[in-house]
Amino acid sequence: MAMRRVAIGLAFGMLCFGAATAPFALTLEEAKTKGLVGEKASGYLGMVGAGSGDVQALVGDVNQKRRQAYEEIAKRNGTPVTTVEALAGEKAIQNTRSGNFVEGPGGWLKK
């Protein structure tokens, strides 16, 4: 299980904390800093409020890439994708910078 966590952590780090890979007007880091998006326990990115088309496109793109990565990791490790998503969500919330949003049981919270 420890090796799986390492593999998931490495893949998640490369996927989630790098620059946005598509030519969006807004980078992932900018969207987080501005409070437009936040990390969810599900392992995916969410919009904190009603977002513009650019924010919606960014969230959709990031989540699609995350889903593909989670499926690859799950297949490689013989683990259900839901397990990978949960571990990735836990890691994303732990790594979220102070002042950025995470989704808690009652909704969005500033970390």
C-alpha atoms as a PDB file:
ATOM      1  CA  MET A   1       0.000   0.000   0.000  1.00  0.00           C
ATOM      2  CA  ALA A   2       2.889   2.387   0.719  1.00  0.00           C
ATOM      3  CA  MET A   3       4.211   2.009  -2.830  1.00  0.00           C
ATOM      4  CA  ARG A   4       0.751   2.738  -4.176  1.00  0.00           C
ATOM      5  CA  ARG A   5       0.589   5.934  -2.145  1.00  0.00           C
ATOM      6  CA  VAL A   6       3.981   6.969  -3.514  1.00  0.00           C
ATOM      7  CA  ALA A   7       2.917   6.232  -7.094  1.00  0.00           C
ATOM      8  CA  ILE A   8      -0.333   8.083  -6.605  1.00  0.00           C
ATOM      9  CA  GLY A   9       1.442  10.999  -4.911  1.00  0.00           C
ATOM     10  CA  LEU A  10       3.983  11.359  -7.695  1.00  0.00           C
ATOM     11  CA  ALA A  11       1.392  11.172 -10.443  1.00  0.00           C
ATOM     12  CA  PHE A  12      -0.906  13.559  -8.616  1.00  0.00           C
ATOM     13  CA  GLY A  13       1.876  16.053  -8.000  1.00  0.00           C
ATOM     14  CA  MET A  14       2.825  16.145 -11.662  1.00  0.00           C
ATOM     15  CA  LEU A  15      -0.797  16.418 -12.730  1.00  0.00           C
ATOM     16  CA  CYS A  16      -2.152  18.904 -10.237  1.00  0.00           C
ATOM     17  CA  PHE A  17       0.596  21.270  -9.282  1.00  0.00           C
ATOM     18  CA  GLY A  18       2.140  21.998 -12.645  1.00  0.00           C
ATOM     19  CA  ALA A  19       1.054  24.762 -14.966  1.00  0.00           C
ATOM     20  CA  ALA A  20      -2.201  24.443 -16.848  1.00  0.00           C
ATOM     21  CA  THR A  21      -1.548  22.391 -19.949  1.00  0.00           C
ATOM     22  CA  ALA A  22      -4.086  24.014 -22.236  1.00  0.00           C
ATOM     23  CA  PRO A  23      -4.029  27.629 -23.429  1.00  0.00           C
ATOM     24  CA  PHE A  24      -6.538  29.042 -20.942  1.00  0.00           C
ATOM     25  CA  ALA A  25      -6.733  32.710 -20.031  1.00  0.00           C
ATOM     26  CA  LEU A  26      -6.327  31.618 -16.417  1.00  0.00           C
ATOM     27  CA  THR A  27      -3.852  29.116 -14.959  1.00  0.00           C
ATOM     28  CA  LEU A  28      -4.836  26.628 -12.303  1.00  0.00           C
ATOM     29  CA  GLU A  29      -2.696  28.399  -9.723  1.00  0.00           C
ATOM     30  CA  GLU A  30      -4.278  31.786 -10.571  1.00  0.00           C
ATOM     31  CA  ALA A  31      -7.767  30.301 -10.304  1.00  0.00           C
ATOM     32  CA  LYS A  32      -6.934  28.839  -6.891  1.00  0.00           C
ATOM     33  CA  THR A  33      -5.334  32.061  -5.638  1.00  0.00           C
ATOM     34  CA  LYS A  34      -8.350  34.110  -6.762  1.00  0.00           C
ATOM     35  CA  GLY A  35     -10.694  31.731  -4.918  1.00  0.00           C
ATOM     36  CA  LEU A  36     -12.452  30.609  -8.085  1.00  0.00           C
ATOM     37  CA  VAL A  37     -11.706  26.899  -7.683  1.00  0.00           C
ATOM     38  CA  GLY A  38     -10.822  24.539  -4.878  1.00  0.00           C
ATOM     39  CA  GLU A  39      -9.839  20.967  -4.156  1.00  0.00           C
ATOM     40  CA  LYS A  40     -12.453  18.356  -3.325  1.00  0.00           C
ATOM     41  CA  ALA A  41     -12.094  15.156  -1.281  1.00  0.00           C
ATOM     42  CA  SER A  42     -13.163  13.282  -4.407  1.00  0.00           C
ATOM     43  CA  GLY A  43      -9.794  14.051  -5.994  1.00  0.00           C
ATOM     44  CA  TYR A  44     -11.233  16.546  -8.415  1.00  0.00           C
ATOM     45  CA  LEU A  45     -11.291  20.295  -8.758  1.00  0.00           C
ATOM     46  CA  GLY A  46     -14.510  22.203  -8.122  1.00  0.00           C
ATOM     47  CA  MET A  47     -15.765  25.712  -8.816  1.00  0.00           C
ATOM     48  CA  VAL A  48     -16.217  27.661  -5.600  1.00  0.00           C
ATOM     49  CA  GLY A  49     -18.948  29.842  -7.076  1.00  0.00           C
ATOM     50  CA  ALA A  50     -20.492  30.481 -10.444  1.00  0.00           C
ATOM     51  CA  GLY A  51     -17.562  30.552 -12.797  1.00  0.00           C
ATOM     52  CA  SER A  52     -16.980  32.129 -16.169  1.00  0.00           C
ATOM     53  CA  GLY A  53     -16.562  30.036 -19.272  1.00  0.00           C
ATOM     54  CA  ASP A  54     -12.785  30.131 -18.811  1.00  0.00           C
ATOM     55  CA  VAL A  55     -13.050  28.780 -15.262  1.00  0.00           C
ATOM     56  CA  GLN A  56     -15.490  26.075 -16.332  1.00  0.00           C
ATOM     57  CA  ALA A  57     -13.206  25.047 -19.201  1.00  0.00           C
ATOM     58  CA  LEU A  58     -10.176  24.960 -16.912  1.00  0.00           C
ATOM     59  CA  VAL A  59     -11.980  22.806 -14.323  1.00  0.00           C
ATOM     60  CA  GLY A  60     -13.247  20.459 -17.029  1.00  0.00           C
ATOM     61  CA  ASP A  61      -9.789  20.094 -18.569  1.00  0.00           C
ATOM     62  CA  VAL A  62      -8.017  19.496 -15.250  1.00  0.00           C
ATOM     63  CA  ASN A  63     -10.641  16.995 -14.092  1.00  0.00           C
ATOM     64  CA  GLN A  64     -10.514  15.086 -17.377  1.00  0.00           C
ATOM     65  CA  LYS A  65      -6.724  14.758 -17.080  1.00  0.00           C
ATOM     66  CA  ARG A  66      -6.996  13.741 -13.436  1.00  0.00           C
ATOM     67  CA  ARG A  67      -9.596  11.074 -14.275  1.00  0.00           C
ATOM     68  CA  GLN A  68      -7.325   9.623 -16.968  1.00  0.00           C
ATOM     69  CA  ALA A  69      -4.363   9.581 -14.584  1.00  0.00           C
ATOM     70  CA  TYR A  70      -6.422   7.995 -11.788  1.00  0.00           C
ATOM     71  CA  GLU A  71      -7.664   5.278 -14.130  1.00  0.00           C
ATOM     72  CA  GLU A  72      -4.105   4.516 -15.288  1.00  0.00           C
ATOM     73  CA  ILE A  73      -2.821   4.379 -11.697  1.00  0.00           C
ATOM     74  CA  ALA A  74      -5.719   2.152 -10.625  1.00  0.00           C
ATOM     75  CA  LYS A  75      -5.122  -0.229 -13.511  1.00  0.00           C
ATOM     76  CA  ARG A  76      -1.368  -0.346 -12.919  1.00  0.00           C
ATOM     77  CA  ASN A  77      -1.844  -1.086  -9.196  1.00  0.00           C
ATOM     78  CA  GLY A  78      -4.902  -3.338  -9.432  1.00  0.00           C
ATOM     79  CA  THR A  79      -6.817  -0.873  -7.256  1.00  0.00           C
ATOM     80  CA  PRO A  80     -10.339   0.503  -7.689  1.00  0.00           C
ATOM     81  CA  VAL A  81     -10.344   3.981  -9.222  1.00  0.00           C
ATOM     82  CA  THR A  82     -12.403   5.205  -6.250  1.00  0.00           C
ATOM     83  CA  THR A  83      -9.484   4.349  -3.956  1.00  0.00           C
ATOM     84  CA  VAL A  84      -7.092   6.337  -6.134  1.00  0.00           C
ATOM     85  CA  GLU A  85      -9.514   9.282  -6.239  1.00  0.00           C
ATOM     86  CA  ALA A  86      -9.872   9.293  -2.442  1.00  0.00           C
ATOM     87  CA  LEU A  87      -6.097   9.158  -1.882  1.00  0.00           C
ATOM     88  CA  ALA A  88      -5.538  11.895  -4.452  1.00  0.00           C
ATOM     89  CA  GLY A  89      -8.229  14.057  -2.838  1.00  0.00           C
ATOM     90  CA  GLU A  90      -6.649  13.599   0.575  1.00  0.00           C
ATOM     91  CA  LYS A  91      -3.232  14.572  -0.797  1.00  0.00           C
ATOM     92  CA  ALA A  92      -4.642  17.566  -2.697  1.00  0.00           C
ATOM     93  CA  ILE A  93      -6.344  18.917   0.397  1.00  0.00           C
ATOM     94  CA  GLN A  94      -3.179  18.406   2.478  1.00  0.00           C
ATOM     95  CA  ASN A  95      -1.122  20.254  -0.147  1.00  0.00           C
ATOM     96  CA  THR A  96      -3.542  23.130  -0.630  1.00  0.00           C
ATOM     97  CA  ARG A  97      -1.956  26.437   0.282  1.00  0.00           C
ATOM     98  CA  SER A  98      -3.263  28.514   3.131  1.00  0.00           C
ATOM     99  CA  GLY A  99      -5.930  30.920   1.881  1.00  0.00           C
ATOM    100  CA  ASN A 100      -7.069  28.637  -0.949  1.00  0.00           C
ATOM    101  CA  PHE A 101     -10.332  26.710  -0.874  1.00  0.00           C
ATOM    102  CA  VAL A 102     -11.053  23.085  -0.030  1.00  0.00           C
ATOM    103  CA  GLU A 103     -14.452  21.468   0.090  1.00  0.00           C
ATOM    104  CA  GLY A 104     -15.483  20.212   3.502  1.00  0.00           C
ATOM    105  CA  PRO A 105     -18.632  18.435   4.682  1.00  0.00           C
ATOM    106  CA  GLY A 106     -20.454  21.772   4.958  1.00  0.00           C
ATOM    107  CA  GLY A 107     -19.218  23.311   1.719  1.00  0.00           C
ATOM    108  CA  TRP A 108     -16.243  25.407   0.685  1.00  0.00           C
ATOM    109  CA  LEU A 109     -13.753  26.519   3.336  1.00  0.00           C
ATOM    110  CA  LYS A 110     -10.619  28.625   3.177  1.00  0.00           C
ATOM    111  CA  LYS A 111      -7.689  26.612   4.401  1.00  0.00           C
END
